[in-house]
Protein backbone atom coordinates (compact mmCIF):
# COMPACT_ATOMS: atom_id res chain seq x y z
CA MET A 1 136.08 52.42 6.32
CA SER A 2 138.37 49.89 4.75
CA ASP A 3 137.81 46.17 4.93
CA LEU A 4 141.69 45.37 5.28
CA SER A 5 143.25 43.16 8.35
CA PRO A 6 146.22 45.13 9.93
CA ARG A 7 148.34 42.67 8.18
CA GLU A 8 146.92 43.50 4.48
CA HIS A 9 147.28 47.40 5.56
CA SER A 10 150.86 46.64 6.17
CA ALA A 11 151.23 44.97 2.89
CA ALA A 12 149.74 47.38 0.70
CA ALA A 13 151.22 50.33 2.05
CA PRO A 14 154.48 49.52 4.01
CA GLN A 15 155.72 52.83 4.70
CA MET A 16 152.74 54.42 5.78
CA ARG A 17 152.77 55.77 9.12
CA ALA A 18 151.30 52.98 11.72
CA SER A 19 148.45 53.91 14.18
CA ASP A 20 148.24 53.70 17.82
CA GLU A 21 145.36 51.07 16.83
CA GLU A 22 147.88 49.08 14.69
CA ARG A 23 150.49 48.91 17.07
CA ASP A 24 147.99 47.66 19.80
CA HIS A 25 146.29 44.96 17.54
CA THR A 26 149.68 43.71 16.73
CA ALA A 27 150.49 43.60 20.20
CA ALA A 28 147.30 41.37 21.05
CA VAL A 29 148.28 38.77 18.29
CA LEU A 30 151.94 38.77 20.23
CA ALA A 31 150.01 38.00 23.67
CA ASP A 32 147.64 35.49 21.71
CA ALA A 33 150.39 33.65 20.50
CA TYR A 34 152.54 33.92 23.59
CA ALA A 35 149.56 32.59 25.57
CA ALA A 36 149.08 29.31 22.84
CA GLY A 37 153.06 28.40 23.22
CA ARG A 38 153.95 30.05 19.79
CA LEU A 39 156.37 32.34 21.27
CA SER A 40 158.74 32.04 24.11
CA ALA A 41 158.79 34.97 26.83
CA GLU A 42 161.98 36.13 25.00
CA GLU A 43 160.87 36.49 21.83
CA HIS A 44 157.63 37.71 23.11
CA THR A 45 159.23 40.60 25.14
CA GLU A 46 161.35 41.42 22.05
CA ARG A 47 158.67 41.50 19.41
CA LEU A 48 156.36 43.63 21.58
CA GLU A 49 158.99 46.33 22.33
CA ALA A 50 159.71 46.19 18.40
CA ALA A 51 155.92 46.70 17.99
CA TYR A 52 155.44 49.89 20.11
CA SER A 53 158.48 51.31 19.06
CA ALA A 54 157.41 50.68 15.28
CA ARG A 55 156.94 54.17 13.16
CA THR A 56 155.61 52.39 9.84
CA ARG A 57 153.35 49.64 8.72
CA GLY A 58 156.14 47.94 7.23
CA GLU A 59 158.06 47.63 10.62
CA LEU A 60 154.87 45.87 12.22
CA ALA A 61 154.40 43.45 9.39
CA PRO A 62 157.34 41.03 10.31
CA LEU A 63 156.74 40.91 13.62
CA THR A 64 153.35 38.54 13.18
CA ALA A 65 154.32 37.32 9.71
CA ASP A 66 155.08 33.79 11.08
CA LEU A 67 151.79 33.58 13.12
CA PRO A 68 148.38 32.54 12.41
CA VAL A 69 146.14 35.31 11.21
CA PRO A 70 143.44 36.05 13.40
CA THR A 71 139.74 35.29 12.39
CA PRO A 72 138.06 38.44 11.59
CA GLY A 73 136.41 39.94 14.44
CA ALA A 74 137.81 37.67 16.98
CA ASN A 75 138.45 38.51 20.60
CA LEU A 76 142.40 38.34 21.08
CA VAL A 77 142.04 38.67 24.70
CA SER A 78 140.50 36.00 26.73
CA PRO A 79 137.37 36.73 28.21
CA ALA A 80 138.61 35.24 31.72
CA ASP A 81 141.30 37.65 31.94
CA ASN A 82 138.72 40.60 32.07
CA ALA A 83 137.17 39.01 35.74
CA PRO A 84 137.08 41.31 38.38
CA VAL A 85 139.71 40.65 40.73
CA ARG A 86 138.64 40.58 44.33
CA ALA A 87 139.65 40.52 47.79
CA LEU A 88 137.04 40.24 50.77
CA PHE A 89 138.62 39.84 54.47
CA SER A 90 141.94 38.04 52.45
CA LYS A 91 144.84 38.46 50.31
CA VAL A 92 145.17 38.17 46.89
CA ARG A 93 148.09 38.87 44.58
CA ARG A 94 148.32 38.63 40.56
CA SER A 95 151.69 39.14 39.31
CA GLY A 96 154.05 36.95 36.63
CA GLN A 97 153.61 37.25 32.74
CA TRP A 98 150.14 37.52 32.97
CA PRO A 99 147.92 39.25 29.95
CA VAL A 100 146.66 42.49 31.23
CA PRO A 101 143.45 43.27 29.52
CA PRO A 102 142.57 46.46 28.32
CA ARG A 103 140.79 47.06 31.36
CA THR A 104 140.96 45.56 35.03
CA THR A 105 138.59 45.68 37.71
CA VAL A 106 139.98 45.64 41.46
CA ARG A 107 137.57 45.50 44.52
CA SER A 108 139.41 45.13 47.99
CA GLN A 109 137.09 45.02 50.94
CA PHE A 110 138.42 44.70 54.37
CA GLY A 111 141.47 42.79 52.35
CA ALA A 112 144.31 43.25 50.69
CA ILE A 113 145.23 42.98 46.64
CA VAL A 114 148.47 43.41 44.96
CA ILE A 115 148.64 43.58 40.95
CA ASP A 116 152.11 43.62 39.69
CA LEU A 117 152.85 44.88 36.34
CA ARG A 118 156.51 44.60 36.13
CA GLN A 119 156.56 41.32 34.17
CA ALA A 120 152.99 41.34 32.74
CA VAL A 121 152.12 41.27 29.19
CA PHE A 122 150.55 44.44 28.24
CA THR A 123 148.13 43.70 25.23
CA ARG A 124 147.43 47.32 24.90
CA ARG A 125 149.56 50.19 25.14
CA GLU A 126 147.67 51.89 27.44
CA VAL A 127 145.61 50.03 29.89
CA VAL A 128 142.72 51.54 32.90
CA ILE A 129 142.44 49.82 36.23
CA GLU A 130 139.96 50.42 38.23
CA ALA A 131 140.72 49.94 41.78
CA ASP A 132 137.98 50.35 44.81
CA SER A 133 139.39 49.98 48.53
CA PHE A 134 136.76 49.92 51.37
CA CYS A 135 138.45 49.35 54.45
CA GLY A 136 141.26 47.31 52.73
CA LYS A 137 144.62 47.87 50.56
CA VAL A 138 145.28 47.86 46.62
CA GLU A 139 149.14 47.73 45.90
CA ILE A 140 149.97 48.32 41.55
CA LEU A 141 153.06 47.81 40.97
CA VAL A 142 154.44 49.00 37.70
CA PRO A 143 157.17 49.09 35.39
CA GLY A 144 159.99 51.97 36.20
CA ASN A 145 159.41 53.36 32.55
CA ALA A 146 155.09 53.30 32.91
CA GLN A 147 153.40 56.45 32.58
CA VAL A 148 150.62 56.41 35.80
CA TYR A 149 147.83 58.96 36.03
CA ASP A 150 145.88 58.30 38.91
CA THR A 151 142.17 59.82 38.56
CA GLY A 152 140.45 58.18 41.41
CA THR A 153 138.85 59.72 44.37
CA ALA A 154 139.35 59.20 48.10
CA LEU A 155 136.85 59.41 50.93
CA PHE A 156 138.12 59.27 54.57
CA GLY A 157 141.15 57.09 52.66
CA LYS A 158 144.38 57.80 50.70
CA ARG A 159 145.73 57.36 47.34
CA SER A 160 149.38 57.99 46.50
CA GLN A 161 152.28 57.15 44.17
CA HIS A 162 155.77 56.35 45.35
CA GLY A 163 158.79 56.19 43.10
CA ARG A 164 160.26 58.43 39.97
CA ARG A 165 159.96 57.35 36.68
CA ASP A 166 162.75 55.92 34.69
CA GLU A 167 163.49 58.62 32.04
CA GLY A 168 165.99 56.37 30.54
CA LYS A 169 166.38 54.81 26.90
CA GLY A 170 162.77 53.33 25.71
CA ALA A 171 160.93 55.57 28.60
CA GLU A 172 158.58 57.00 25.75
CA ASP A 173 157.65 53.36 24.88
CA GLY A 174 156.78 52.66 28.30
CA PRO A 175 153.25 51.48 28.83
CA VAL A 176 150.35 54.05 29.92
CA VAL A 177 148.55 53.05 33.17
CA ARG A 178 145.46 54.93 33.68
CA ILE A 179 143.78 54.65 37.25
CA THR A 180 140.16 54.94 38.44
CA GLY A 181 138.15 53.82 41.40
CA ARG A 182 137.53 55.09 44.85
CA SER A 183 139.17 54.47 48.35
CA VAL A 184 136.82 54.68 51.38
CA PHE A 185 138.27 54.29 54.67
CA GLY A 186 141.17 52.53 52.70
CA HIS A 187 144.58 52.94 50.24
CA VAL A 188 145.25 52.62 46.86
CA ARG A 189 149.12 52.97 46.72
CA VAL A 190 151.13 52.77 43.16
CA MET A 191 154.86 51.68 43.38
CA ARG A 192 157.87 51.95 41.24
CA SER A 193 160.55 50.99 44.20
CA TYR A 194 159.55 49.86 47.69
CA LYS A 195 161.14 48.71 50.73
CA TYR A 196 158.50 47.03 52.80
CA PRO A 197 155.24 45.80 49.97
CA TRP A 198 152.42 44.42 51.45
CA ARG A 199 152.69 41.02 49.44
CA ASP A 200 155.57 40.07 51.92
CA GLY A 201 153.09 40.55 54.87
CA ARG A 202 154.80 43.52 56.38
């Protein structure tokens, strides 16, 4: 296994095809820079799109050339971002430009949780959301170009998806959202477009 960092790999072999791991690493560096205020929201979005559409290491290198080199082995995703999202007899909503960790755990018991990914910062191309609902509701709002795979189970409950994936330009670069977990006497719902979101209390 090579000891070179992803940035050194890019400089050493710029024409080499980039791997998913290298794209994900670049995305994590960009998310860290955005969180630190080194990039504006517009700059971060533009570079993130370029990272996931890059075909070679040479195309990845310029995206982080003006950013600090991460310490080897550093965790670029804040541990706080991995904290479970819980709603117990309450309503919780996570939205805006928040960094999505590789795995998010959601627990709703007699409550409602809305996870809005439409403007979120994906630190990885593929993320997993473990959505558990017990006598409660979990609603996950995804970008139009997201690929969604729900492999969760339901017992006296329901899991559903609404809205069609946007197959237009850039669809192939959309994030992959894998949803697991269990719905017991509850509902886990994935939405791309909607009229009556739970977040509005309807």
